[in-house]
Protein backbone atom coordinates (compact mmCIF):
# COMPACT_ATOMS: atom_id res chain seq x y z
CA MET A 1 15.92 5.94 -21.30
CA THR A 2 16.44 2.30 -22.19
CA LEU A 3 15.99 1.75 -25.92
CA GLU A 4 14.53 -1.74 -25.46
CA PHE A 5 12.16 -2.03 -22.55
CA LEU A 6 12.28 -5.38 -20.72
CA LEU A 7 9.41 -6.64 -18.57
CA PRO A 8 9.98 -9.81 -16.50
CA ILE A 9 7.12 -12.29 -16.63
CA ARG A 10 6.61 -15.59 -14.84
CA VAL A 11 4.40 -18.20 -16.52
CA TYR A 12 1.57 -19.29 -14.23
CA ILE A 13 -0.85 -22.20 -14.59
CA GLU A 14 -3.56 -19.77 -15.80
CA ASP A 15 -1.35 -18.92 -18.81
CA THR A 16 -1.09 -22.50 -20.03
CA ASP A 17 -3.12 -25.16 -21.75
CA ALA A 18 -3.65 -28.69 -20.42
CA GLY A 19 -0.12 -29.63 -21.51
CA GLY A 20 1.55 -26.83 -19.54
CA ILE A 21 2.40 -24.79 -22.66
CA VAL A 22 1.55 -21.08 -22.85
CA TYR A 23 -1.62 -20.55 -24.86
CA TYR A 24 -0.82 -18.41 -27.91
CA VAL A 25 -3.10 -15.47 -27.06
CA ASN A 26 -1.34 -14.94 -23.73
CA TYR A 27 1.77 -13.75 -25.57
CA LEU A 28 -0.34 -10.80 -26.78
CA LYS A 29 -1.08 -10.00 -23.14
CA TYR A 30 2.62 -10.12 -22.28
CA LEU A 31 3.45 -7.82 -25.19
CA GLU A 32 0.64 -5.42 -24.22
CA ARG A 33 2.07 -5.14 -20.72
CA ALA A 34 5.56 -4.39 -22.06
CA ARG A 35 4.21 -1.69 -24.44
CA THR A 36 2.16 -0.16 -21.65
CA GLU A 37 5.11 -0.01 -19.28
CA LEU A 38 7.34 1.45 -22.02
CA MET A 39 4.77 4.17 -22.66
CA ARG A 40 4.69 4.90 -18.91
CA THR A 41 8.37 5.85 -19.19
CA PHE A 42 7.18 8.79 -21.31
CA GLY A 43 5.17 10.09 -18.34
CA LEU A 44 1.80 8.60 -19.22
CA GLU A 45 0.16 7.52 -15.95
CA ARG A 46 -2.50 5.51 -17.74
CA ALA A 47 -0.66 4.58 -20.89
CA ALA A 48 -3.69 3.63 -22.99
CA VAL A 49 -6.19 6.30 -21.95
CA SER A 50 -5.65 10.06 -21.62
CA ASP A 51 -7.57 12.64 -19.64
CA ALA A 52 -7.23 14.76 -22.80
CA GLY A 53 -9.84 12.60 -24.56
CA TRP A 54 -7.78 10.12 -26.56
CA ASN A 55 -7.06 6.39 -26.35
CA PHE A 56 -4.46 4.12 -27.85
CA VAL A 57 -5.82 1.12 -29.75
CA VAL A 58 -4.06 -1.72 -31.54
CA LEU A 59 -4.10 -1.15 -35.30
CA ASP A 60 -1.97 -4.01 -36.62
CA VAL A 61 -0.26 -7.15 -35.27
CA SER A 62 2.22 -9.43 -37.00
CA LEU A 63 3.78 -12.16 -34.85
CA SER A 64 5.89 -15.26 -35.40
CA TYR A 65 5.78 -18.03 -32.83
CA LYS A 66 9.15 -19.80 -32.71
CA GLU A 67 9.27 -21.85 -29.49
CA PRO A 68 6.78 -22.55 -26.71
CA ALA A 69 7.03 -21.23 -23.19
CA ARG A 70 6.07 -23.55 -20.36
CA LEU A 71 4.69 -23.43 -16.85
CA ASP A 72 7.05 -21.67 -14.41
CA ASP A 73 9.32 -20.27 -17.14
CA GLN A 74 10.86 -16.89 -16.38
CA LEU A 75 10.39 -14.76 -19.51
CA HIS A 76 11.05 -11.22 -20.65
CA ALA A 77 8.60 -9.35 -22.86
CA THR A 78 10.34 -6.55 -24.75
CA ALA A 79 9.17 -3.43 -26.51
CA MET A 80 11.18 -1.10 -28.72
CA ILE A 81 9.78 1.74 -30.81
CA SER A 82 10.55 1.22 -34.50
CA ALA A 83 8.50 4.01 -36.14
CA VAL A 84 6.24 6.94 -35.32
CA GLY A 85 3.63 8.64 -37.48
CA GLY A 86 1.20 11.48 -36.93
CA ALA A 87 -1.23 9.30 -35.02
CA THR A 88 0.60 5.95 -34.82
CA VAL A 89 3.48 4.27 -33.04
CA LYS A 90 5.02 1.02 -34.24
CA PHE A 91 6.88 -1.35 -31.92
CA HIS A 92 9.17 -4.30 -32.48
CA GLN A 93 8.48 -6.76 -29.69
CA THR A 94 9.66 -10.12 -28.43
CA VAL A 95 9.05 -12.63 -25.70
CA ARG A 96 12.30 -14.29 -24.65
CA ARG A 97 13.46 -17.02 -22.32
CA ASP A 98 17.08 -16.22 -21.57
CA ASP A 99 18.62 -15.65 -25.04
CA ALA A 100 15.97 -17.66 -26.92
CA VAL A 101 13.34 -15.65 -28.80
CA LEU A 102 10.02 -17.43 -28.39
CA VAL A 103 7.79 -14.87 -30.12
CA ALA A 104 8.78 -11.89 -32.27
CA GLY A 105 6.89 -9.36 -34.29
CA ASP A 106 5.60 -5.88 -34.87
CA ILE A 107 2.61 -4.17 -33.34
CA GLN A 108 1.25 -0.79 -34.38
CA ILE A 109 -0.98 1.32 -32.16
CA ALA A 110 -3.09 4.30 -33.16
CA CYS A 111 -4.17 7.32 -31.19
CA ILE A 112 -7.92 7.87 -31.51
CA ASP A 113 -10.39 10.44 -30.25
CA ARG A 114 -12.34 8.70 -27.50
CA GLU A 115 -15.68 10.24 -28.51
CA THR A 116 -15.52 9.83 -32.29
CA GLY A 117 -13.25 6.78 -32.61
CA ARG A 118 -11.36 8.61 -35.37
CA PRO A 119 -7.58 8.93 -35.54
CA THR A 120 -6.15 11.96 -33.80
CA ARG A 121 -2.59 13.28 -33.80
CA LEU A 122 -0.26 12.33 -31.01
CA ASP A 123 0.30 14.95 -28.33
CA THR A 124 3.21 17.13 -29.52
CA ALA A 125 5.34 16.65 -26.38
CA LEU A 126 4.76 12.88 -26.40
CA ARG A 127 5.61 12.65 -30.09
CA GLN A 128 8.84 14.60 -29.52
CA GLN A 129 9.84 12.19 -26.73
CA ILE A 130 9.08 9.20 -28.94
CA GLU A 131 11.00 10.70 -31.87
CA ALA A 132 14.01 11.35 -29.61
CA THR A 133 13.92 7.73 -28.40
CA LEU A 134 13.59 6.48 -31.97
CA ALA A 135 16.56 8.64 -33.07
CA ALA A 136 18.66 7.29 -30.18
CA THR A 137 17.70 3.74 -31.18
CA GLU A 138 18.78 4.38 -34.77
CA GLU A 139 22.13 5.78 -33.56
CA VAL A 140 22.82 2.58 -31.62
CA THR A 141 21.92 0.20 -34.46
């Protein structure tokens, strides 16, 4: 498994403001897509919603905007797991244009029971896969 998941993204007119610069909230969409696709690599068909009665929700976001992206830019949204808890997974994420980091930060998701909205522990097999990926990431760094 790749330790840092890369998702190619093209900037379309719908992503930009009147000046052709990507509107800040759209970076959150790009990062969401990268996290979702990374979680799919763990075998989750619908990465945010489980048939077992749980959902993933965003718990915390901390982002720094460094440079703007513009109409027609070819970007890469990245996602790398940086920590796992009983009911949470933390990611370090970026949006890049070539080697330039445009946005960087950390996003934490929580696993909740769909009926009660309360935190629930991650599925054991999923947590083991995430822990193995996290351990491999730590070995590389």
